[in-house]
Amino acid sequence: MSLASVKQFFSRHAPDIDVIELEQSTATVALAAEGHGVEPAQIAKTLALRVGDEIILIVTRGDARLDNKKYKARFGTKARMLGLDEVEAETGHPVGGVCPFGLVKPHSVYCDESLRSFDIVVPAAGATNAAVHISPGRMAELTGAEWIDVSAV
């Protein structure tokens, strides 16, 4: 169902963007980079976190990690990733396929400034073997994302 919701999202909001399904898994940054022929940094990984009672999604470059000081300065709390069992219930997407498109519930989406280094990034598309090639600006526009700086490369 998750892949279908992402395809439906693009059909409605950006019919010029194709969801790419590969035969092999792209569930990790390394596998996705290899499968799509890009550098690991170009993989746009989506992190699902809890801020108080709210669930947020942060999309950052594949080789980045959250900078705890920057995160706390922005959100006023320590970063708390969702548990594996919560991710699919909150996003509609399986771990390894989480993306900011076609969500089962509305969540605030943030794009990390680190993504702006690239013309094209490759976020997952709701399955562990699916992705899209998209500009960071277009991804932010389509998802209503706010740009923030919370990563360290």
N, C-alpha and C. Protein backbone atom coordinates (compact mmCIF):
# COMPACT_ATOMS: atom_id res chain seq x y z
N MET A 1 0.82 -1.20 0.00
CA MET A 1 0.00 0.00 0.00
C MET A 1 0.86 1.26 0.00
N SER A 2 2.00 1.22 0.65
CA SER A 2 2.85 2.40 0.77
C SER A 2 3.36 2.87 -0.59
N LEU A 3 3.88 1.96 -1.39
CA LEU A 3 4.34 2.30 -2.73
C LEU A 3 3.19 2.89 -3.54
N ALA A 4 2.02 2.31 -3.40
CA ALA A 4 0.85 2.81 -4.12
C ALA A 4 0.51 4.24 -3.70
N SER A 5 0.63 4.55 -2.41
CA SER A 5 0.30 5.91 -1.96
C SER A 5 1.31 6.92 -2.49
N VAL A 6 2.57 6.51 -2.63
CA VAL A 6 3.59 7.40 -3.19
C VAL A 6 3.32 7.62 -4.68
N LYS A 7 3.01 6.55 -5.40
CA LYS A 7 2.70 6.68 -6.83
C LYS A 7 1.49 7.59 -7.02
N GLN A 8 0.49 7.42 -6.17
CA GLN A 8 -0.71 8.26 -6.25
C GLN A 8 -0.36 9.72 -5.96
N PHE A 9 0.51 9.95 -4.98
CA PHE A 9 0.95 11.30 -4.64
C PHE A 9 1.58 11.97 -5.87
N PHE A 10 2.51 11.27 -6.53
CA PHE A 10 3.17 11.85 -7.69
C PHE A 10 2.23 11.98 -8.88
N SER A 11 1.33 11.06 -9.04
CA SER A 11 0.34 11.15 -10.12
C SER A 11 -0.49 12.42 -9.98
N ARG A 12 -0.82 12.75 -8.75
CA ARG A 12 -1.65 13.93 -8.48
C ARG A 12 -0.86 15.24 -8.48
N HIS A 13 0.32 15.25 -7.87
CA HIS A 13 1.05 16.49 -7.63
C HIS A 13 2.24 16.75 -8.54
N ALA A 14 2.79 15.70 -9.14
CA ALA A 14 3.97 15.87 -9.99
C ALA A 14 4.04 14.72 -11.00
N PRO A 15 3.10 14.69 -11.96
CA PRO A 15 3.04 13.56 -12.89
C PRO A 15 4.29 13.41 -13.77
N ASP A 16 5.14 14.42 -13.78
CA ASP A 16 6.39 14.33 -14.56
C ASP A 16 7.47 13.53 -13.84
N ILE A 17 7.26 13.18 -12.59
CA ILE A 17 8.25 12.43 -11.82
C ILE A 17 7.84 10.96 -11.76
N ASP A 18 8.75 10.10 -12.18
CA ASP A 18 8.49 8.66 -12.17
C ASP A 18 9.06 8.02 -10.92
N VAL A 19 8.31 7.10 -10.35
CA VAL A 19 8.81 6.27 -9.26
C VAL A 19 9.61 5.14 -9.91
N ILE A 20 10.86 5.00 -9.47
CA ILE A 20 11.76 3.99 -10.03
C ILE A 20 11.79 2.80 -9.09
N GLU A 21 11.44 1.63 -9.61
CA GLU A 21 11.48 0.41 -8.83
C GLU A 21 12.62 -0.46 -9.35
N LEU A 22 13.51 -0.84 -8.46
CA LEU A 22 14.63 -1.70 -8.82
C LEU A 22 14.37 -3.13 -8.36
N GLU A 23 15.09 -4.07 -8.96
CA GLU A 23 14.96 -5.47 -8.57
C GLU A 23 15.55 -5.72 -7.18
N GLN A 24 16.64 -5.01 -6.87
CA GLN A 24 17.33 -5.23 -5.60
C GLN A 24 16.88 -4.22 -4.55
N SER A 25 17.17 -4.56 -3.31
CA SER A 25 16.84 -3.68 -2.19
C SER A 25 17.67 -2.40 -2.25
N THR A 26 17.04 -1.31 -1.88
CA THR A 26 17.73 -0.02 -1.72
C THR A 26 17.43 0.52 -0.33
N ALA A 27 17.29 -0.39 0.63
CA ALA A 27 16.85 -0.05 1.98
C ALA A 27 17.90 0.67 2.82
N THR A 28 19.16 0.67 2.38
CA THR A 28 20.19 1.40 3.11
C THR A 28 20.78 2.45 2.18
N VAL A 29 21.47 3.41 2.74
CA VAL A 29 22.10 4.45 1.94
C VAL A 29 23.07 3.82 0.93
N ALA A 30 23.89 2.89 1.38
CA ALA A 30 24.87 2.26 0.49
C ALA A 30 24.20 1.51 -0.65
N LEU A 31 23.17 0.73 -0.34
CA LEU A 31 22.46 -0.02 -1.38
C LEU A 31 21.75 0.92 -2.35
N ALA A 32 21.15 1.96 -1.83
CA ALA A 32 20.44 2.93 -2.69
C ALA A 32 21.42 3.64 -3.62
N ALA A 33 22.55 4.06 -3.08
CA ALA A 33 23.55 4.75 -3.90
C ALA A 33 24.05 3.84 -5.02
N GLU A 34 24.33 2.60 -4.68
CA GLU A 34 24.80 1.64 -5.68
C GLU A 34 23.72 1.40 -6.74
N GLY A 35 22.50 1.18 -6.30
CA GLY A 35 21.40 0.88 -7.22
C GLY A 35 21.06 2.02 -8.16
N HIS A 36 21.24 3.25 -7.70
CA HIS A 36 20.87 4.41 -8.52
C HIS A 36 22.09 5.10 -9.15
N GLY A 37 23.27 4.55 -8.89
CA GLY A 37 24.47 5.09 -9.52
C GLY A 37 24.82 6.50 -9.09
N VAL A 38 24.61 6.78 -7.80
CA VAL A 38 24.94 8.10 -7.26
C VAL A 38 25.84 7.93 -6.04
N GLU A 39 26.38 9.02 -5.57
CA GLU A 39 27.17 9.01 -4.34
C GLU A 39 26.24 8.85 -3.14
N PRO A 40 26.69 8.22 -2.08
CA PRO A 40 25.84 8.07 -0.89
C PRO A 40 25.27 9.41 -0.39
N ALA A 41 26.02 10.48 -0.53
CA ALA A 41 25.54 11.78 -0.06
C ALA A 41 24.27 12.22 -0.78
N GLN A 42 24.07 11.77 -2.04
CA GLN A 42 22.89 12.16 -2.81
C GLN A 42 21.63 11.42 -2.40
N ILE A 43 21.75 10.39 -1.60
CA ILE A 43 20.56 9.69 -1.11
C ILE A 43 19.92 10.59 -0.06
N ALA A 44 18.67 10.87 -0.23
CA ALA A 44 17.95 11.73 0.71
C ALA A 44 17.24 10.82 1.72
N LYS A 45 17.87 10.65 2.87
CA LYS A 45 17.28 9.76 3.88
C LYS A 45 16.29 10.53 4.73
N THR A 46 15.20 9.86 5.05
CA THR A 46 14.13 10.47 5.84
C THR A 46 14.13 9.85 7.23
N LEU A 47 14.30 10.71 8.22
CA LEU A 47 14.31 10.29 9.62
C LEU A 47 12.98 10.66 10.26
N ALA A 48 12.40 9.72 10.99
CA ALA A 48 11.15 9.95 11.71
C ALA A 48 11.47 10.12 13.18
N LEU A 49 11.09 11.28 13.73
CA LEU A 49 11.42 11.61 15.12
C LEU A 49 10.19 12.08 15.87
N ARG A 50 10.28 11.97 17.19
CA ARG A 50 9.22 12.45 18.08
C ARG A 50 9.72 13.72 18.77
N VAL A 51 8.90 14.77 18.67
CA VAL A 51 9.16 16.03 19.37
C VAL A 51 7.93 16.28 20.24
N GLY A 52 8.04 15.95 21.52
CA GLY A 52 6.87 16.03 22.40
C GLY A 52 5.83 15.03 21.92
N ASP A 53 4.63 15.52 21.63
CA ASP A 53 3.56 14.65 21.14
C ASP A 53 3.49 14.60 19.62
N GLU A 54 4.37 15.32 18.97
CA GLU A 54 4.34 15.42 17.50
C GLU A 54 5.39 14.50 16.87
N ILE A 55 5.05 13.97 15.71
CA ILE A 55 5.99 13.21 14.89
C ILE A 55 6.43 14.14 13.76
N ILE A 56 7.74 14.21 13.54
CA ILE A 56 8.26 15.02 12.45
C ILE A 56 9.14 14.15 11.56
N LEU A 57 9.30 14.59 10.32
CA LEU A 57 10.19 13.92 9.38
C LEU A 57 11.27 14.91 8.98
N ILE A 58 12.51 14.47 9.04
CA ILE A 58 13.63 15.29 8.59
C ILE A 58 14.32 14.54 7.46
N VAL A 59 14.43 15.21 6.32
CA VAL A 59 15.11 14.62 5.17
C VAL A 59 16.50 15.26 5.10
N THR A 60 17.53 14.42 5.10
CA THR A 60 18.90 14.90 5.08
C THR A 60 19.71 14.08 4.09
N ARG A 61 20.89 14.53 3.78
CA ARG A 61 21.73 13.79 2.84
C ARG A 61 22.19 12.48 3.46
N GLY A 62 22.46 11.51 2.61
CA GLY A 62 22.74 10.16 3.06
C GLY A 62 23.95 9.98 3.92
N ASP A 63 24.96 10.83 3.77
CA ASP A 63 26.18 10.67 4.56
C ASP A 63 26.21 11.57 5.79
N ALA A 64 25.09 12.20 6.09
CA ALA A 64 25.03 13.11 7.24
C ALA A 64 24.43 12.39 8.45
N ARG A 65 24.69 12.96 9.60
CA ARG A 65 24.04 12.50 10.83
C ARG A 65 23.47 13.74 11.49
N LEU A 66 22.52 13.53 12.38
CA LEU A 66 21.97 14.67 13.12
C LEU A 66 23.03 15.24 14.04
N ASP A 67 23.13 16.54 14.07
CA ASP A 67 24.00 17.23 15.01
C ASP A 67 23.14 17.53 16.24
N ASN A 68 23.45 16.89 17.35
CA ASN A 68 22.61 17.01 18.54
C ASN A 68 22.45 18.44 19.02
N LYS A 69 23.51 19.24 18.97
CA LYS A 69 23.42 20.64 19.42
C LYS A 69 22.51 21.46 18.52
N LYS A 70 22.67 21.29 17.21
CA LYS A 70 21.81 22.02 16.27
C LYS A 70 20.36 21.60 16.42
N TYR A 71 20.15 20.28 16.56
CA TYR A 71 18.79 19.76 16.70
C TYR A 71 18.13 20.33 17.95
N LYS A 72 18.84 20.29 19.07
CA LYS A 72 18.27 20.79 20.32
C LYS A 72 18.00 22.29 20.25
N ALA A 73 18.90 23.03 19.60
CA ALA A 73 18.68 24.48 19.43
C ALA A 73 17.43 24.75 18.61
N ARG A 74 17.16 23.92 17.61
CA ARG A 74 16.00 24.13 16.73
C ARG A 74 14.70 23.66 17.36
N PHE A 75 14.73 22.47 18.00
CA PHE A 75 13.50 21.87 18.49
C PHE A 75 13.34 21.91 20.01
N GLY A 76 14.36 22.35 20.73
CA GLY A 76 14.25 22.49 22.17
C GLY A 76 14.27 21.20 22.95
N THR A 77 14.68 20.12 22.31
CA THR A 77 14.70 18.83 22.97
C THR A 77 15.73 17.93 22.31
N LYS A 78 16.07 16.85 22.97
CA LYS A 78 16.99 15.86 22.42
C LYS A 78 16.28 15.09 21.30
N ALA A 79 17.02 14.70 20.27
CA ALA A 79 16.46 13.92 19.17
C ALA A 79 16.02 12.55 19.67
N ARG A 80 14.79 12.18 19.35
CA ARG A 80 14.26 10.86 19.71
C ARG A 80 13.67 10.21 18.47
N MET A 81 14.40 9.24 17.93
CA MET A 81 13.92 8.52 16.75
C MET A 81 12.72 7.66 17.13
N LEU A 82 11.81 7.47 16.19
CA LEU A 82 10.70 6.56 16.41
C LEU A 82 11.22 5.14 16.47
N GLY A 83 10.55 4.30 17.23
CA GLY A 83 10.89 2.89 17.26
C GLY A 83 10.51 2.24 15.93
N LEU A 84 11.19 1.16 15.59
CA LEU A 84 10.91 0.48 14.33
C LEU A 84 9.44 0.12 14.17
N ASP A 85 8.80 -0.27 15.26
CA ASP A 85 7.39 -0.64 15.20
C ASP A 85 6.47 0.56 14.98
N GLU A 86 6.94 1.75 15.28
CA GLU A 86 6.11 2.96 15.13
C GLU A 86 6.21 3.58 13.74
N VAL A 87 7.33 3.37 13.07
CA VAL A 87 7.60 4.07 11.81
C VAL A 87 6.51 3.83 10.77
N GLU A 88 6.20 2.58 10.50
CA GLU A 88 5.20 2.28 9.47
C GLU A 88 3.81 2.75 9.87
N ALA A 89 3.47 2.63 11.15
CA ALA A 89 2.16 3.09 11.62
C ALA A 89 2.00 4.60 11.43
N GLU A 90 3.06 5.34 11.64
CA GLU A 90 2.99 6.81 11.55
C GLU A 90 3.15 7.35 10.14
N THR A 91 3.95 6.68 9.31
CA THR A 91 4.22 7.20 7.96
C THR A 91 3.49 6.43 6.86
N GLY A 92 3.18 5.17 7.14
CA GLY A 92 2.62 4.31 6.11
C GLY A 92 3.69 3.63 5.29
N HIS A 93 4.95 3.92 5.59
CA HIS A 93 6.07 3.38 4.82
C HIS A 93 6.93 2.46 5.70
N PRO A 94 7.45 1.39 5.11
CA PRO A 94 8.31 0.49 5.87
C PRO A 94 9.69 1.12 6.09
N VAL A 95 10.37 0.71 7.13
CA VAL A 95 11.75 1.13 7.35
C VAL A 95 12.54 0.74 6.10
N GLY A 96 13.34 1.65 5.60
CA GLY A 96 14.07 1.43 4.35
C GLY A 96 13.34 2.00 3.15
N GLY A 97 12.09 2.41 3.35
CA GLY A 97 11.30 3.01 2.27
C GLY A 97 10.64 4.30 2.70
N VAL A 98 11.01 4.78 3.90
CA VAL A 98 10.38 5.98 4.45
C VAL A 98 10.75 7.19 3.60
N CYS A 99 9.75 8.00 3.31
CA CYS A 99 9.93 9.21 2.51
C CYS A 99 8.86 10.22 2.93
N PRO A 100 8.97 11.46 2.48
CA PRO A 100 7.99 12.46 2.86
C PRO A 100 6.77 12.53 1.94
N PHE A 101 6.63 11.58 1.03
CA PHE A 101 5.53 11.57 0.06
C PHE A 101 4.49 10.51 0.40
N GLY A 102 3.22 10.79 0.13
CA GLY A 102 2.17 9.79 0.30
C GLY A 102 2.03 9.27 1.71
N LEU A 103 2.15 10.15 2.67
CA LEU A 103 2.09 9.75 4.08
C LEU A 103 0.68 9.33 4.48
N VAL A 104 0.59 8.38 5.38
CA VAL A 104 -0.71 7.90 5.87
C VAL A 104 -1.33 8.91 6.85
N LYS A 105 -0.49 9.69 7.51
CA LYS A 105 -0.94 10.74 8.44
C LYS A 105 -0.15 12.01 8.11
N PRO A 106 -0.74 13.17 8.32
CA PRO A 106 0.03 14.40 8.06
C PRO A 106 1.07 14.62 9.15
N HIS A 107 2.29 14.90 8.73
CA HIS A 107 3.38 15.20 9.65
C HIS A 107 4.16 16.38 9.11
N SER A 108 4.75 17.16 10.00
CA SER A 108 5.62 18.25 9.57
C SER A 108 6.86 17.65 8.93
N VAL A 109 7.25 18.22 7.79
CA VAL A 109 8.43 17.76 7.07
C VAL A 109 9.46 18.88 7.05
N TYR A 110 10.69 18.51 7.29
CA TYR A 110 11.81 19.45 7.28
C TYR A 110 12.87 18.90 6.33
N CYS A 111 13.45 19.77 5.52
CA CYS A 111 14.57 19.39 4.67
C CYS A 111 15.82 20.05 5.21
N ASP A 112 16.85 19.26 5.41
CA ASP A 112 18.09 19.81 5.93
C ASP A 112 18.84 20.55 4.83
N GLU A 113 19.46 21.66 5.22
CA GLU A 113 20.21 22.50 4.28
C GLU A 113 21.27 21.71 3.53
N SER A 114 21.74 20.62 4.09
CA SER A 114 22.79 19.80 3.44
C SER A 114 22.36 19.30 2.06
N LEU A 115 21.06 19.18 1.84
CA LEU A 115 20.56 18.69 0.55
C LEU A 115 20.78 19.70 -0.58
N ARG A 116 20.90 20.96 -0.23
CA ARG A 116 21.03 22.01 -1.24
C ARG A 116 22.33 21.92 -2.02
N SER A 117 23.24 21.05 -1.60
CA SER A 117 24.52 20.86 -2.31
C SER A 117 24.34 20.16 -3.64
N PHE A 118 23.17 19.59 -3.89
CA PHE A 118 22.95 18.74 -5.05
C PHE A 118 21.84 19.28 -5.94
N ASP A 119 21.99 19.04 -7.25
CA ASP A 119 20.92 19.37 -8.19
C ASP A 119 19.80 18.34 -8.10
N ILE A 120 20.19 17.08 -7.89
CA ILE A 120 19.24 15.97 -7.80
C ILE A 120 19.59 15.12 -6.58
N VAL A 121 18.55 14.74 -5.84
CA VAL A 121 18.72 13.80 -4.73
C VAL A 121 17.79 12.61 -4.98
N VAL A 122 18.02 11.55 -4.21
CA VAL A 122 17.28 10.31 -4.43
C VAL A 122 16.66 9.84 -3.11
N PRO A 123 15.44 10.29 -2.82
CA PRO A 123 14.75 9.77 -1.64
C PRO A 123 14.03 8.47 -1.97
N ALA A 124 13.78 7.67 -0.95
CA ALA A 124 12.98 6.46 -1.11
C ALA A 124 11.58 6.85 -1.57
N ALA A 125 10.82 5.84 -1.98
CA ALA A 125 9.47 6.11 -2.48
C ALA A 125 8.46 5.09 -1.93
N GLY A 126 8.53 4.83 -0.64
CA GLY A 126 7.51 4.02 0.01
C GLY A 126 7.71 2.52 -0.02
N ALA A 127 8.85 2.06 -0.54
CA ALA A 127 9.17 0.63 -0.55
C ALA A 127 10.69 0.50 -0.47
N THR A 128 11.15 -0.66 -0.08
CA THR A 128 12.59 -0.85 0.10
C THR A 128 13.35 -1.03 -1.21
N ASN A 129 12.66 -0.90 -2.33
CA ASN A 129 13.33 -0.97 -3.63
C ASN A 129 12.87 0.15 -4.58
N ALA A 130 12.24 1.18 -4.02
CA ALA A 130 11.69 2.25 -4.85
C ALA A 130 12.23 3.61 -4.43
N ALA A 131 12.39 4.49 -5.42
CA ALA A 131 12.91 5.83 -5.16
C ALA A 131 12.47 6.76 -6.29
N VAL A 132 12.75 8.04 -6.10
CA VAL A 132 12.56 9.04 -7.15
C VAL A 132 13.83 9.87 -7.26
N HIS A 133 14.04 10.46 -8.41
CA HIS A 133 15.12 11.42 -8.62
C HIS A 133 14.44 12.78 -8.70
N ILE A 134 14.83 13.70 -7.81
CA ILE A 134 14.12 14.97 -7.67
C ILE A 134 15.09 16.04 -7.18
N SER A 135 14.83 17.27 -7.54
CA SER A 135 15.66 18.36 -7.00
C SER A 135 15.25 18.61 -5.55
N PRO A 136 16.19 18.99 -4.72
CA PRO A 136 15.84 19.26 -3.32
C PRO A 136 14.75 20.33 -3.19
N GLY A 137 14.83 21.37 -4.00
CA GLY A 137 13.83 22.43 -3.94
C GLY A 137 12.44 21.94 -4.27
N ARG A 138 12.35 21.09 -5.28
CA ARG A 138 11.04 20.55 -5.68
C ARG A 138 10.50 19.62 -4.60
N MET A 139 11.37 18.83 -4.00
CA MET A 139 10.94 17.95 -2.91
C MET A 139 10.36 18.77 -1.76
N ALA A 140 11.05 19.83 -1.38
CA ALA A 140 10.57 20.69 -0.30
C ALA A 140 9.24 21.34 -0.67
N GLU A 141 9.15 21.79 -1.91
CA GLU A 141 7.91 22.44 -2.37
C GLU A 141 6.73 21.47 -2.34
N LEU A 142 6.93 20.27 -2.87
CA LEU A 142 5.85 19.28 -2.93
C LEU A 142 5.38 18.81 -1.56
N THR A 143 6.28 18.80 -0.58
CA THR A 143 5.93 18.28 0.74
C THR A 143 5.63 19.39 1.76
N GLY A 144 5.75 20.65 1.33
CA GLY A 144 5.52 21.76 2.25
C GLY A 144 6.59 21.83 3.33
N ALA A 145 7.79 21.35 2.99
CA ALA A 145 8.87 21.28 3.98
C ALA A 145 9.46 22.64 4.30
N GLU A 146 9.93 22.74 5.52
CA GLU A 146 10.69 23.91 5.97
C GLU A 146 12.16 23.54 5.91
N TRP A 147 13.00 24.47 5.45
CA TRP A 147 14.44 24.24 5.41
C TRP A 147 15.04 24.54 6.78
N ILE A 148 15.86 23.61 7.29
CA ILE A 148 16.52 23.78 8.58
C ILE A 148 17.95 23.28 8.47
N ASP A 149 18.76 23.61 9.46
CA ASP A 149 20.15 23.15 9.52
C ASP A 149 20.35 22.37 10.80
N VAL A 150 20.25 21.04 10.70
CA VAL A 150 20.41 20.20 11.90
C VAL A 150 21.34 19.02 11.68
N SER A 151 22.12 19.02 10.60
CA SER A 151 22.97 17.87 10.36
C SER A 151 24.45 18.23 10.42
N ALA A 152 25.25 17.20 10.51
CA ALA A 152 26.70 17.30 10.45
C ALA A 152 27.14 16.31 9.38
N VAL A 153 28.02 16.76 8.53
CA VAL A 153 28.49 15.89 7.45
C VAL A 153 29.87 15.39 7.78
